[in-house]
Protein backbone atom coordinates (compact mmCIF):
# COMPACT_ATOMS: atom_id res chain seq x y z
CA UNK A 1 -105.24 -1.50 -4.29
CA UNK A 2 -103.80 0.55 -1.45
CA UNK A 3 -101.75 3.67 -2.11
CA UNK A 4 -98.67 1.99 -0.63
CA UNK A 5 -98.94 -0.64 -3.37
CA UNK A 6 -98.40 1.78 -6.26
CA UNK A 7 -96.99 -0.62 -8.81
CA UNK A 8 -96.07 2.04 -11.43
CA UNK A 9 -93.14 3.24 -9.28
CA UNK A 10 -91.71 -0.27 -8.97
CA UNK A 11 -89.23 -2.01 -11.26
CA UNK A 12 -90.74 -4.54 -13.66
CA UNK A 13 -89.27 -7.47 -11.72
CA UNK A 14 -90.78 -6.20 -8.48
CA UNK A 15 -94.20 -5.93 -10.14
CA UNK A 16 -93.94 -9.46 -11.50
CA UNK A 17 -93.00 -10.85 -8.09
CA UNK A 18 -95.78 -9.04 -6.21
CA UNK A 19 -98.46 -9.96 -8.72
CA UNK A 20 -97.27 -13.58 -8.88
CA UNK A 21 -97.33 -13.83 -5.09
CA UNK A 22 -100.77 -12.19 -4.86
CA UNK A 23 -102.03 -14.84 -7.27
CA UNK A 24 -100.51 -17.55 -5.06
CA UNK A 25 -98.40 -18.76 -7.95
CA UNK A 26 -95.05 -20.45 -7.37
CA UNK A 27 -92.12 -19.44 -9.56
CA UNK A 28 -92.12 -22.88 -11.16
CA UNK A 29 -95.66 -22.37 -12.47
CA UNK A 30 -94.89 -18.93 -13.90
CA UNK A 31 -91.70 -20.31 -15.41
CA UNK A 32 -93.65 -23.05 -17.15
CA UNK A 33 -96.16 -20.54 -18.48
CA UNK A 34 -93.44 -18.44 -20.11
CA UNK A 35 -91.26 -21.35 -21.18
CA UNK A 36 -88.31 -20.44 -18.95
CA UNK A 37 -86.67 -21.88 -15.83
CA UNK A 38 -87.60 -20.87 -12.30
CA UNK A 39 -84.03 -19.56 -11.93
CA UNK A 40 -84.69 -17.24 -14.89
CA UNK A 41 -87.90 -15.96 -13.27
CA UNK A 42 -86.01 -15.35 -10.02
CA UNK A 43 -83.32 -13.39 -11.87
CA UNK A 44 -85.96 -11.22 -13.54
CA UNK A 45 -87.70 -10.60 -10.20
CA UNK A 46 -84.51 -9.69 -8.35
CA UNK A 47 -82.93 -7.67 -11.14
CA UNK A 48 -79.22 -7.21 -11.80
CA UNK A 49 -76.90 -8.21 -9.00
């Protein structure tokens, strides 16, 4: 991992999004794995509006 990718300084949602994308996983797949909707996963990744 590169120094610019220091995940510990990121919000939880940002970490989830980056790691999901690195794995090549669509939101729908992650949503199914955790038993939630893809809209829920998106709201976790983006944080409070």
